[in-house]
Amino acid sequence: MIGSVLAACGLFVLLAVGLRWWRAMQRVAIPADIRPYLIASGVSALAGAAAFVFGVGILGGIAAALALIGGVALPALYAGSAQLPRTPAVAVGGPVLNFTAADDSGAPFDLATLRGTPFLLKFFRGHWCPYCVAELRRWEELRPELAARSIAIVTVCADSAEAIRRGRGKHGLQAIMLPDPDLAITERYNLRNPKNFAPKPGVIIPLPIPTTILVDADGVVRWIDQATDYMHRSDPQRVLAAIRAALDVPDHATTRRTAVG
């Protein structure tokens, strides 16, 4: 009896925390503090383990197993979410590295054609990653500010062109989106994650480290933001603040001439 109650409680806690996390993702509101989720997951796992100690029937055993396995999953993912730092091949104040590629429609793209236009160059893991998708969807909040400054968005990920097209359509993403399955562009920027990651069972896929690079109209890098944990990304307002600080610089010479005149 006690075991069955513990199993049910553990499964209830797991479902509650899972549903809350899913709703947060649907609102593209990545939790800044996931400690409550980790605590709840731990409670679920402990309840599932305790249920086996007290003894359970078949249904209780299934519930206890789900609570135990599910409760361990989130802390395990969080423990492995840290990104090993990599020094990008570009630096603030230096030139962006040009490259050519085919976009998700198969059309040729040359980064050099953006000269004269400021842009955000975004390296991300893939459309299967909820954190990456949430970040990109939140960037859509910046569209009015980006359009006012004629800022383009260029994204690079390890997905195939087909996967990118599906993700673009599903999430309503507007950007120049470049598939980089062999990580040629990622390697050029020295942003390959030194750790391999397997989003599918039995498949080892190297991935980019999530990184944002702000480039001005002259092709000069003005800001670099690299994730140290793939579960934590920059808030859109932080990106906007960086854009304002880097690009909204008054022309002091023009100001002086106006004042003298």
Protein backbone atom coordinates (compact mmCIF):
# COMPACT_ATOMS: atom_id res chain seq x y z
CA MET A 1 0.00 0.00 0.00
CA ILE A 2 2.72 2.49 0.99
CA GLY A 3 4.75 1.54 -2.06
CA SER A 4 1.82 2.14 -4.41
CA VAL A 5 1.14 5.55 -2.84
CA LEU A 6 4.79 6.54 -3.19
CA ALA A 7 4.83 5.37 -6.81
CA ALA A 8 1.71 7.38 -7.60
CA CYS A 9 3.08 10.47 -5.85
CA GLY A 10 6.41 10.18 -7.65
CA LEU A 11 4.73 9.84 -11.04
CA PHE A 12 2.40 12.76 -10.28
CA VAL A 13 5.36 15.01 -9.40
CA LEU A 14 7.18 13.93 -12.55
CA LEU A 15 4.18 14.67 -14.76
CA ALA A 16 3.64 18.03 -13.07
CA VAL A 17 7.22 19.18 -13.53
CA GLY A 18 7.30 17.82 -17.08
CA LEU A 19 4.10 19.64 -18.00
CA ARG A 20 5.33 22.88 -16.48
CA TRP A 21 8.60 22.61 -18.39
CA TRP A 22 6.75 21.87 -21.63
CA ARG A 23 4.46 24.86 -21.17
CA ALA A 24 7.48 27.07 -20.53
CA MET A 25 9.03 25.86 -23.77
CA GLN A 26 5.79 26.52 -25.68
CA ARG A 27 5.84 30.08 -24.33
CA VAL A 28 9.52 30.21 -25.36
CA ALA A 29 10.19 31.28 -21.79
CA ILE A 30 13.34 29.37 -20.85
CA PRO A 31 13.47 29.13 -17.03
CA ALA A 32 16.39 31.18 -15.74
CA ASP A 33 16.54 29.10 -12.56
CA ILE A 34 15.91 25.40 -13.03
CA ARG A 35 16.64 24.47 -9.40
CA PRO A 36 12.92 23.98 -8.62
CA TYR A 37 12.73 21.56 -11.54
CA LEU A 38 15.80 19.69 -10.32
CA ILE A 39 14.39 19.45 -6.78
CA ALA A 40 11.05 18.18 -8.07
CA SER A 41 12.81 15.65 -10.27
CA GLY A 42 14.82 14.47 -7.29
CA VAL A 43 11.65 14.05 -5.23
CA SER A 44 10.12 12.02 -8.06
CA ALA A 45 13.16 9.75 -8.30
CA LEU A 46 13.33 9.23 -4.52
CA ALA A 47 9.63 8.40 -4.37
CA GLY A 48 10.04 5.89 -7.18
CA ALA A 49 13.01 4.24 -5.49
CA ALA A 50 11.26 4.16 -2.10
CA ALA A 51 8.21 2.54 -3.71
CA PHE A 52 10.31 -0.47 -4.70
CA VAL A 53 11.69 -0.70 -1.18
CA PHE A 54 8.19 -0.89 0.33
CA GLY A 55 6.94 -3.18 -2.42
CA VAL A 56 4.53 -2.56 -5.29
CA GLY A 57 2.35 -4.50 -7.69
CA ILE A 58 2.64 -4.51 -11.48
CA LEU A 59 0.95 -1.13 -12.09
CA GLY A 60 2.69 0.39 -9.10
CA GLY A 61 6.00 -0.96 -10.38
CA ILE A 62 5.46 0.67 -13.76
CA ALA A 63 4.60 3.99 -12.09
CA ALA A 64 7.61 3.71 -9.77
CA ALA A 65 9.95 2.91 -12.66
CA LEU A 66 8.70 5.90 -14.66
CA ALA A 67 9.09 8.17 -11.63
CA LEU A 68 12.61 6.88 -10.96
CA ILE A 69 13.87 7.01 -14.55
CA GLY A 70 12.15 10.29 -15.38
CA GLY A 71 13.28 11.86 -12.13
CA VAL A 72 16.91 11.04 -12.89
CA ALA A 73 16.74 12.19 -16.53
CA LEU A 74 16.57 15.97 -16.01
CA PRO A 75 19.42 16.18 -13.46
CA ALA A 76 21.50 13.96 -15.76
CA LEU A 77 20.85 16.24 -18.73
CA TYR A 78 21.60 19.30 -16.63
CA ALA A 79 24.86 17.78 -15.38
CA GLY A 80 26.00 17.38 -18.98
CA SER A 81 24.76 20.73 -20.26
CA ALA A 82 27.96 22.70 -19.69
CA GLN A 83 29.73 23.78 -22.87
CA LEU A 84 33.51 23.64 -23.02
CA PRO A 85 34.68 27.14 -23.99
CA ARG A 86 36.22 27.72 -27.42
CA THR A 87 37.92 30.89 -28.56
CA PRO A 88 36.19 31.93 -31.81
CA ALA A 89 38.32 32.50 -34.89
CA VAL A 90 37.00 36.07 -34.96
CA ALA A 91 37.38 38.74 -32.29
CA VAL A 92 35.60 41.95 -31.38
CA GLY A 93 37.10 44.75 -33.44
CA GLY A 94 38.34 42.35 -36.13
CA PRO A 95 36.84 41.35 -39.48
CA VAL A 96 34.20 38.69 -39.90
CA LEU A 97 35.27 35.57 -41.81
CA ASN A 98 33.52 35.29 -45.15
CA PHE A 99 32.18 31.99 -46.45
CA THR A 100 29.91 30.60 -49.12
CA ALA A 101 27.20 28.00 -48.65
CA ALA A 102 23.79 26.88 -49.88
CA ASP A 103 20.80 27.97 -47.82
CA ASP A 104 17.92 25.71 -46.80
CA SER A 105 16.25 26.22 -50.20
CA GLY A 106 19.42 25.20 -52.04
CA ALA A 107 20.17 28.74 -53.24
CA PRO A 108 23.82 29.86 -53.11
CA PHE A 109 24.72 32.31 -50.36
CA ASP A 110 27.85 34.41 -49.92
CA LEU A 111 28.33 36.20 -46.59
CA ALA A 112 30.28 38.93 -48.40
CA THR A 113 27.06 40.08 -50.09
CA LEU A 114 25.93 41.42 -46.71
CA ARG A 115 28.68 44.04 -46.71
CA GLY A 116 26.93 47.34 -46.08
CA THR A 117 24.32 45.61 -43.91
CA PRO A 118 24.74 44.85 -40.19
CA PHE A 119 23.80 41.31 -39.24
CA LEU A 120 23.60 38.78 -36.44
CA LEU A 121 25.41 35.52 -37.19
CA LYS A 122 23.95 32.75 -35.04
CA PHE A 123 25.48 29.30 -34.59
CA PHE A 124 23.10 26.85 -32.92
CA ARG A 125 22.79 23.12 -32.37
CA GLY A 126 19.70 22.27 -34.41
CA HIS A 127 15.94 22.53 -34.67
CA TRP A 128 15.56 19.40 -32.53
CA CYS A 129 17.03 21.35 -29.58
CA PRO A 130 14.19 23.08 -27.65
CA TYR A 131 16.58 25.63 -26.16
CA CYS A 132 17.85 26.68 -29.59
CA VAL A 133 14.35 26.91 -31.04
CA ALA A 134 13.09 28.86 -28.03
CA GLU A 135 15.96 31.32 -28.41
CA LEU A 136 15.33 31.81 -32.13
CA ARG A 137 11.60 32.23 -31.61
CA ARG A 138 12.24 34.84 -28.93
CA TRP A 139 14.46 36.69 -31.37
CA GLU A 140 11.31 37.27 -33.42
CA GLU A 141 10.35 39.72 -30.65
CA LEU A 142 13.22 41.88 -31.87
CA ARG A 143 11.95 42.12 -35.46
CA PRO A 144 10.77 45.76 -35.21
CA GLU A 145 14.09 46.87 -33.68
CA LEU A 146 16.12 44.83 -36.17
CA ALA A 147 14.12 46.13 -39.14
CA ALA A 148 14.60 49.71 -37.96
CA ARG A 149 18.37 49.16 -38.16
CA SER A 150 18.23 46.97 -41.30
CA ILE A 151 19.87 44.14 -39.37
CA ALA A 152 19.80 40.73 -41.06
CA ILE A 153 19.90 37.39 -39.26
CA VAL A 154 22.04 34.51 -40.55
CA THR A 155 21.87 31.17 -38.77
CA VAL A 156 24.17 28.15 -39.05
CA CYS A 157 23.40 24.73 -37.60
CA ALA A 158 24.26 21.06 -38.10
CA ASP A 159 20.80 20.19 -39.48
CA SER A 160 20.11 19.14 -43.04
CA ALA A 161 18.34 21.56 -45.37
CA GLU A 162 15.16 19.49 -45.07
CA ALA A 163 15.23 19.61 -41.25
CA ILE A 164 15.76 23.38 -41.37
CA ARG A 165 12.80 23.85 -43.71
CA ARG A 166 10.59 21.84 -41.37
CA GLY A 167 11.76 23.87 -38.38
CA ARG A 168 11.34 27.17 -40.20
CA GLY A 169 7.77 26.33 -41.16
CA LYS A 170 6.82 24.94 -37.77
CA HIS A 171 8.17 27.83 -35.72
CA GLY A 172 7.69 30.71 -38.17
CA LEU A 173 11.37 31.64 -38.27
CA GLN A 174 12.53 34.43 -40.58
CA ALA A 175 16.24 34.38 -41.26
CA ILE A 176 18.86 33.30 -43.75
CA MET A 177 19.26 29.71 -42.57
CA LEU A 178 22.31 27.67 -43.59
CA PRO A 179 22.73 23.91 -43.12
CA ASP A 180 26.21 22.93 -41.97
CA PRO A 181 26.01 19.14 -41.47
CA ASP A 182 29.75 18.63 -42.00
CA LEU A 183 30.51 21.65 -39.75
CA ALA A 184 32.68 23.31 -42.41
CA ILE A 185 31.47 26.81 -41.47
CA THR A 186 31.49 25.96 -37.77
CA GLU A 187 35.09 24.74 -38.01
CA ARG A 188 36.09 27.91 -39.88
CA TYR A 189 34.86 29.91 -36.91
CA ASN A 190 36.41 27.44 -34.41
CA LEU A 191 33.03 26.84 -32.77
CA ARG A 192 32.82 23.06 -32.93
CA ASN A 193 31.90 21.57 -29.57
CA PRO A 194 34.84 19.37 -28.51
CA LYS A 195 32.31 17.00 -26.92
CA ASN A 196 30.27 14.75 -29.19
CA PHE A 197 26.53 14.68 -28.64
CA ALA A 198 23.98 12.05 -29.58
CA PRO A 199 20.48 13.46 -30.13
CA LYS A 200 19.42 10.10 -31.57
CA PRO A 201 20.22 6.66 -30.12
CA GLY A 202 23.34 5.23 -31.69
CA VAL A 203 24.16 8.36 -33.69
CA ILE A 204 27.14 10.48 -32.66
CA ILE A 205 26.86 13.99 -34.06
CA PRO A 206 29.36 16.80 -33.45
CA LEU A 207 27.65 20.12 -32.87
CA PRO A 208 28.36 23.86 -32.86
CA ILE A 209 28.63 25.69 -29.56
CA PRO A 210 25.68 28.13 -29.44
CA THR A 211 27.24 31.49 -30.28
CA THR A 212 25.97 34.88 -31.43
CA ILE A 213 28.20 37.26 -33.40
CA LEU A 214 27.10 40.82 -34.13
CA VAL A 215 28.72 42.30 -37.26
CA ASP A 216 28.40 45.92 -38.36
CA ALA A 217 27.87 47.24 -41.89
CA ASP A 218 31.64 47.39 -42.47
CA GLY A 219 32.08 43.70 -41.71
CA VAL A 220 33.61 44.33 -38.30
CA VAL A 221 32.71 42.09 -35.36
CA ARG A 222 31.16 44.23 -32.62
CA TRP A 223 29.92 41.68 -30.05
CA ILE A 224 30.30 37.95 -29.36
CA ASP A 225 28.10 35.96 -27.00
CA GLN A 226 28.89 32.28 -26.42
CA ALA A 227 26.75 29.94 -24.31
CA THR A 228 28.56 28.25 -21.43
CA ASP A 229 25.53 26.02 -20.85
CA TYR A 230 23.21 24.94 -23.64
CA MET A 231 20.22 25.23 -21.28
CA HIS A 232 20.83 28.95 -20.73
CA ARG A 233 20.64 31.51 -23.56
CA SER A 234 20.71 35.27 -23.85
CA ASP A 235 17.47 37.09 -23.22
CA PRO A 236 16.34 39.07 -26.30
CA GLN A 237 16.68 42.28 -24.33
CA ARG A 238 20.35 41.48 -23.68
CA VAL A 239 20.87 41.00 -27.42
CA LEU A 240 19.06 44.25 -28.09
CA ALA A 241 21.17 46.06 -25.49
CA ALA A 242 24.33 44.81 -27.23
CA ILE A 243 22.99 46.01 -30.60
CA ARG A 244 22.19 49.45 -29.21
CA ALA A 245 25.57 49.75 -27.52
CA ALA A 246 27.50 48.63 -30.60
CA LEU A 247 25.57 50.18 -33.45
CA ASP A 248 23.66 53.16 -32.03
CA VAL A 249 26.80 55.27 -31.66
CA PRO A 250 26.33 58.94 -32.52
CA ASP A 251 28.50 60.43 -35.23
CA HIS A 252 30.51 62.83 -33.10
CA ALA A 253 31.99 64.58 -36.11
CA THR A 254 28.53 65.28 -37.50
CA THR A 255 27.39 66.43 -34.07
CA ARG A 256 30.31 68.86 -33.82
CA ARG A 257 29.66 70.25 -37.32
CA THR A 258 26.00 70.75 -36.48
CA ALA A 259 26.88 72.51 -33.24
CA VAL A 260 29.38 74.81 -34.98
CA GLY A 261 26.94 75.61 -37.79
